[in-house]
C-alpha atoms as a PDB file:
ATOM      1  CA  MET A   1       1.977  34.759 236.046  1.00  0.00           C
ATOM      2  CA  ASP A   2       0.106  37.950 237.020  1.00  0.00           C
ATOM      3  CA  ASP A   3      -1.764  39.806 234.774  1.00  0.00           C
ATOM      4  CA  GLU A   4       0.504  42.623 235.313  1.00  0.00           C
ATOM      5  CA  GLU A   5       3.281  40.745 233.701  1.00  0.00           C
ATOM      6  CA  VAL A   6       1.379  39.932 230.529  1.00  0.00           C
ATOM      7  CA  PRO A   7       1.990  42.623 227.881  1.00  0.00           C
ATOM      8  CA  LYS A   8      -1.022  44.413 226.778  1.00  0.00           C
ATOM      9  CA  PRO A   9      -1.479  44.200 222.967  1.00  0.00           C
ATOM     10  CA  THR A  10      -1.320  47.371 221.070  1.00  0.00           C
ATOM     11  CA  PRO A  11      -3.027  48.180 217.849  1.00  0.00           C
ATOM     12  CA  GLU A  12       0.144  47.481 215.997  1.00  0.00           C
ATOM     13  CA  ALA A  13       0.651  44.088 217.734  1.00  0.00           C
ATOM     14  CA  SER A  14      -2.800  42.900 216.692  1.00  0.00           C
ATOM     15  CA  PHE A  15      -2.883  40.120 214.321  1.00  0.00           C
ATOM     16  CA  PRO A  16      -3.698  40.193 211.606  1.00  0.00           C
ATOM     17  CA  ARG A  17      -1.940  43.647 210.829  1.00  0.00           C
ATOM     18  CA  ASN A  18      -3.195  45.987 207.910  1.00  0.00           C
ATOM     19  CA  LEU A  19      -0.418  45.184 205.483  1.00  0.00           C
ATOM     20  CA  GLU A  20      -1.514  48.014 202.949  1.00  0.00           C
ATOM     21  CA  ALA A  21       0.239  50.918 204.559  1.00  0.00           C
ATOM     22  CA  LEU A  22       3.589  48.866 205.301  1.00  0.00           C
ATOM     23  CA  SER A  23       6.704  49.413 203.374  1.00  0.00           C
ATOM     24  CA  LEU A  24       8.777  46.525 202.157  1.00  0.00           C
ATOM     25  CA  GLU A  25      11.182  46.773 205.126  1.00  0.00           C
ATOM     26  CA  ALA A  26       8.346  47.009 207.622  1.00  0.00           C
ATOM     27  CA  LEU A  27       6.797  43.728 205.925  1.00  0.00           C
ATOM     28  CA  ARG A  28      10.017  41.950 206.301  1.00  0.00           C
ATOM     29  CA  ALA A  29      10.204  43.105 209.862  1.00  0.00           C
ATOM     30  CA  TYR A  30       6.901  41.795 210.666  1.00  0.00           C
ATOM     31  CA  ILE A  31       7.727  38.445 209.080  1.00  0.00           C
ATOM     32  CA  GLY A  32      10.619  38.411 211.649  1.00  0.00           C
ATOM     33  CA  GLU A  33       8.027  39.303 214.617  1.00  0.00           C
ATOM     34  CA  LEU A  34       5.854  36.313 213.237  1.00  0.00           C
ATOM     35  CA  GLU A  35       8.524  33.881 212.962  1.00  0.00           C
ATOM     36  CA  ALA A  36       9.553  34.828 216.635  1.00  0.00           C
ATOM     37  CA  GLU A  37       6.038  34.385 217.758  1.00  0.00           C
ATOM     38  CA  ILE A  38       5.573  31.118 216.006  1.00  0.00           C
ATOM     39  CA  ASP A  39       9.039  29.833 217.639  1.00  0.00           C
ATOM     40  CA  ARG A  40       7.662  31.205 221.074  1.00  0.00           C
ATOM     41  CA  VAL A  41       4.378  29.083 220.670  1.00  0.00           C
ATOM     42  CA  ARG A  42       6.242  26.111 219.553  1.00  0.00           C
ATOM     43  CA  GLN A  43       8.607  26.092 222.621  1.00  0.00           C
ATOM     44  CA  ASP A  44       5.291  26.580 224.779  1.00  0.00           C
ATOM     45  CA  ILE A  45       3.623  23.440 222.995  1.00  0.00           C
ATOM     46  CA  SER A  46       6.978  21.237 223.611  1.00  0.00           C
ATOM     47  CA  ALA A  47       7.037  22.293 227.300  1.00  0.00           C
ATOM     48  CA  LYS A  48       3.248  21.454 227.800  1.00  0.00           C
ATOM     49  CA  GLU A  49       3.716  18.157 225.925  1.00  0.00           C
ATOM     50  CA  ARG A  50       6.380  17.270 228.138  1.00  0.00           C
ATOM     51  CA  LEU A  51       4.423  17.985 231.012  1.00  0.00           C
ATOM     52  CA  HIS A  52       1.491  16.072 229.799  1.00  0.00           C
ATOM     53  CA  VAL A  53       3.866  13.056 229.287  1.00  0.00           C
ATOM     54  CA  GLN A  54       5.234  13.426 232.867  1.00  0.00           C
ATOM     55  CA  ALA A  55       1.592  13.568 234.203  1.00  0.00           C
ATOM     56  CA  GLU A  56       0.368  10.293 232.388  1.00  0.00           C
ATOM     57  CA  ASN A  57       3.649   8.545 233.682  1.00  0.00           C
ATOM     58  CA  VAL A  58       2.684   9.488 237.217  1.00  0.00           C
ATOM     59  CA  PHE A  59      -0.846   8.240 236.797  1.00  0.00           C
ATOM     60  CA  ARG A  60       0.405   4.803 235.131  1.00  0.00           C
ATOM     61  CA  SER A  61       2.867   4.002 238.051  1.00  0.00           C
END
């Protein structure tokens, strides 16, 4: 992936976000964003674990 394809973080996208000024609706939306990010990270971990197992199998053969 090129650096140009990686989205640049905005102050709003920074973690942890300042929660004081957020409304209830914004806080719920933020939870949704965090859950989506967690899912994305879990998928990436799974893909890397599969690749790791495949690499181990190549070297064991």
